[in-house]
Amino acid sequence: ANGGFLTKHSAGIYSTTPYSATHPAAPRWMRRPPSELQNKLAAEAATLVVARAPEGRGVVETCTVECGRQGPVRAIFIGRLADGVSEGERFIATSTGESEIDLVISGR
């Protein structure tokens, strides 16, 4: 009913062989407290600045294509500005252009 936008996914790897049997030199795996990662993410988010009016060249850090029922709808880009007044700040850009969508789909 929501078009898949709020869907969560997961994967599991299962074995009947203990990890120590296949990796005898490895230390025993222990889950780190989730608060360690959460604190690191919170610290990074506190310093994250998104440009209000991005201008200039940028470096795309990640991108994706939004698809509708009839196929690709738009390309979405997230990155950092490489120059100008807002150098180093994040930007978000979208395009409905066929060449940009094809570029993201091709993975180039």
C-alpha atoms as a PDB file:
ATOM      1  CA  ALA A   1       0.000   0.000   0.000  1.00  0.00           C
ATOM      2  CA  ASN A   2       2.976   2.366   0.488  1.00  0.00           C
ATOM      3  CA  GLY A   3       4.773   1.580  -2.781  1.00  0.00           C
ATOM      4  CA  GLY A   4       7.712  -0.017  -0.982  1.00  0.00           C
ATOM      5  CA  PHE A   5       9.113   3.240   0.361  1.00  0.00           C
ATOM      6  CA  LEU A   6       8.826   2.185   4.015  1.00  0.00           C
ATOM      7  CA  THR A   7       9.712  -1.471   3.551  1.00  0.00           C
ATOM      8  CA  LYS A   8      12.520  -2.923   5.656  1.00  0.00           C
ATOM      9  CA  HIS A   9      14.789  -5.683   4.410  1.00  0.00           C
ATOM     10  CA  SER A  10      17.200  -8.022   6.149  1.00  0.00           C
ATOM     11  CA  ALA A  11      19.436 -10.986   5.387  1.00  0.00           C
ATOM     12  CA  GLY A  12      20.741 -13.812   7.515  1.00  0.00           C
ATOM     13  CA  ILE A  13      23.635 -16.230   7.128  1.00  0.00           C
ATOM     14  CA  TYR A  14      23.261 -19.482   9.016  1.00  0.00           C
ATOM     15  CA  SER A  15      25.584 -22.449   9.496  1.00  0.00           C
ATOM     16  CA  THR A  16      25.803 -25.594  11.557  1.00  0.00           C
ATOM     17  CA  THR A  17      29.597 -25.203  11.711  1.00  0.00           C
ATOM     18  CA  PRO A  18      30.895 -22.985  14.523  1.00  0.00           C
ATOM     19  CA  TYR A  19      32.828 -19.907  13.365  1.00  0.00           C
ATOM     20  CA  SER A  20      35.819 -20.999  15.480  1.00  0.00           C
ATOM     21  CA  ALA A  21      36.092 -24.234  13.446  1.00  0.00           C
ATOM     22  CA  THR A  22      36.507 -22.387  10.152  1.00  0.00           C
ATOM     23  CA  HIS A  23      38.489 -19.410  11.548  1.00  0.00           C
ATOM     24  CA  PRO A  24      40.652 -20.819  14.367  1.00  0.00           C
ATOM     25  CA  ALA A  25      42.958 -17.779  14.543  1.00  0.00           C
ATOM     26  CA  ALA A  26      40.132 -15.265  14.801  1.00  0.00           C
ATOM     27  CA  PRO A  27      39.131 -13.937  18.214  1.00  0.00           C
ATOM     28  CA  ARG A  28      35.677 -14.824  19.407  1.00  0.00           C
ATOM     29  CA  TRP A  29      33.080 -12.538  17.870  1.00  0.00           C
ATOM     30  CA  MET A  30      31.326 -10.294  20.347  1.00  0.00           C
ATOM     31  CA  ARG A  31      28.612  -7.804  19.528  1.00  0.00           C
ATOM     32  CA  ARG A  32      29.639  -4.273  20.334  1.00  0.00           C
ATOM     33  CA  PRO A  33      27.085  -2.234  22.217  1.00  0.00           C
ATOM     34  CA  PRO A  34      24.776  -0.472  19.725  1.00  0.00           C
ATOM     35  CA  SER A  35      25.292   2.748  21.706  1.00  0.00           C
ATOM     36  CA  GLU A  36      28.899   2.926  20.399  1.00  0.00           C
ATOM     37  CA  LEU A  37      27.755   3.208  16.794  1.00  0.00           C
ATOM     38  CA  GLN A  38      24.812   5.428  17.696  1.00  0.00           C
ATOM     39  CA  ASN A  39      27.100   7.882  19.529  1.00  0.00           C
ATOM     40  CA  LYS A  40      29.470   7.990  16.541  1.00  0.00           C
ATOM     41  CA  LEU A  41      26.582   8.642  14.138  1.00  0.00           C
ATOM     42  CA  ALA A  42      25.149  11.339  16.411  1.00  0.00           C
ATOM     43  CA  ALA A  43      28.536  13.105  16.589  1.00  0.00           C
ATOM     44  CA  GLU A  44      28.877  13.073  12.793  1.00  0.00           C
ATOM     45  CA  ALA A  45      25.305  14.276  12.306  1.00  0.00           C
ATOM     46  CA  ALA A  46      25.925  17.217  14.628  1.00  0.00           C
ATOM     47  CA  THR A  47      28.634  18.513  12.272  1.00  0.00           C
ATOM     48  CA  LEU A  48      26.751  17.771   9.036  1.00  0.00           C
ATOM     49  CA  VAL A  49      25.944  20.926   7.082  1.00  0.00           C
ATOM     50  CA  VAL A  50      23.636  20.859   4.074  1.00  0.00           C
ATOM     51  CA  ALA A  51      24.041  23.757   1.636  1.00  0.00           C
ATOM     52  CA  ARG A  52      20.861  25.847   1.405  1.00  0.00           C
ATOM     53  CA  ALA A  53      21.634  27.085  -2.110  1.00  0.00           C
ATOM     54  CA  PRO A  54      24.361  24.824  -3.536  1.00  0.00           C
ATOM     55  CA  GLU A  55      26.496  26.220  -6.371  1.00  0.00           C
ATOM     56  CA  GLY A  56      29.610  24.949  -8.101  1.00  0.00           C
ATOM     57  CA  ARG A  57      31.171  21.562  -8.628  1.00  0.00           C
ATOM     58  CA  GLY A  58      30.491  18.655  -6.322  1.00  0.00           C
ATOM     59  CA  VAL A  59      31.506  15.069  -5.686  1.00  0.00           C
ATOM     60  CA  VAL A  60      28.649  12.566  -5.706  1.00  0.00           C
ATOM     61  CA  GLU A  61      28.958  10.230  -2.713  1.00  0.00           C
ATOM     62  CA  THR A  62      25.862   8.149  -3.373  1.00  0.00           C
ATOM     63  CA  CYS A  63      23.013   8.006  -5.834  1.00  0.00           C
ATOM     64  CA  THR A  64      19.893   6.019  -6.560  1.00  0.00           C
ATOM     65  CA  VAL A  65      16.989   5.863  -8.968  1.00  0.00           C
ATOM     66  CA  GLU A  66      13.402   6.203  -7.842  1.00  0.00           C
ATOM     67  CA  CYS A  67      11.107   3.885  -9.786  1.00  0.00           C
ATOM     68  CA  GLY A  68       7.373   4.100 -10.297  1.00  0.00           C
ATOM     69  CA  ARG A  69       4.941   1.623 -11.778  1.00  0.00           C
ATOM     70  CA  GLN A  70       6.108   2.442 -15.313  1.00  0.00           C
ATOM     71  CA  GLY A  71       9.862   2.322 -14.561  1.00  0.00           C
ATOM     72  CA  PRO A  72      12.495   4.884 -13.550  1.00  0.00           C
ATOM     73  CA  VAL A  73      11.140   8.280 -12.493  1.00  0.00           C
ATOM     74  CA  ARG A  74      14.149  10.293 -11.285  1.00  0.00           C
ATOM     75  CA  ALA A  75      17.778  10.061 -10.227  1.00  0.00           C
ATOM     76  CA  ILE A  76      18.727  11.286  -6.753  1.00  0.00           C
ATOM     77  CA  PHE A  77      22.282  12.365  -5.902  1.00  0.00           C
ATOM     78  CA  ILE A  78      23.852  13.149  -2.520  1.00  0.00           C
ATOM     79  CA  GLY A  79      27.369  14.520  -2.243  1.00  0.00           C
ATOM     80  CA  ARG A  80      29.714  17.255  -1.071  1.00  0.00           C
ATOM     81  CA  LEU A  81      30.481  20.530  -2.794  1.00  0.00           C
ATOM     82  CA  ALA A  82      34.064  20.657  -4.075  1.00  0.00           C
ATOM     83  CA  ASP A  83      34.428  24.429  -4.404  1.00  0.00           C
ATOM     84  CA  GLY A  84      32.738  27.767  -3.889  1.00  0.00           C
ATOM     85  CA  VAL A  85      31.344  29.448  -0.804  1.00  0.00           C
ATOM     86  CA  SER A  86      29.768  26.223   0.446  1.00  0.00           C
ATOM     87  CA  GLU A  87      32.799  23.983  -0.176  1.00  0.00           C
ATOM     88  CA  GLY A  88      32.612  20.795   1.895  1.00  0.00           C
ATOM     89  CA  GLU A  89      28.898  21.136   2.603  1.00  0.00           C
ATOM     90  CA  ARG A  90      26.453  18.436   1.533  1.00  0.00           C
ATOM     91  CA  PHE A  91      24.095  18.786  -1.391  1.00  0.00           C
ATOM     92  CA  ILE A  92      21.068  16.895  -2.639  1.00  0.00           C
ATOM     93  CA  ALA A  93      20.206  16.984  -6.333  1.00  0.00           C
ATOM     94  CA  THR A  94      17.575  15.293  -8.455  1.00  0.00           C
ATOM     95  CA  SER A  95      17.129  14.853 -12.177  1.00  0.00           C
ATOM     96  CA  THR A  96      14.378  13.465 -14.360  1.00  0.00           C
ATOM     97  CA  GLY A  97      16.712  13.488 -17.354  1.00  0.00           C
ATOM     98  CA  GLU A  98      17.008  10.185 -19.182  1.00  0.00           C
ATOM     99  CA  SER A  99      20.801  10.410 -19.495  1.00  0.00           C
ATOM    100  CA  GLU A 100      21.266  10.969 -15.735  1.00  0.00           C
ATOM    101  CA  ILE A 101      18.922   8.106 -14.869  1.00  0.00           C
ATOM    102  CA  ASP A 102      20.719   5.811 -17.331  1.00  0.00           C
ATOM    103  CA  LEU A 103      24.088   6.827 -15.832  1.00  0.00           C
ATOM    104  CA  VAL A 104      22.966   5.828 -12.322  1.00  0.00           C
ATOM    105  CA  ILE A 105      21.392   2.566 -13.506  1.00  0.00           C
ATOM    106  CA  SER A 106      24.549   1.614 -15.416  1.00  0.00           C
ATOM    107  CA  GLY A 107      26.704   2.138 -12.304  1.00  0.00           C
ATOM    108  CA  ARG A 108      29.323   4.255 -14.091  1.00  0.00           C
END
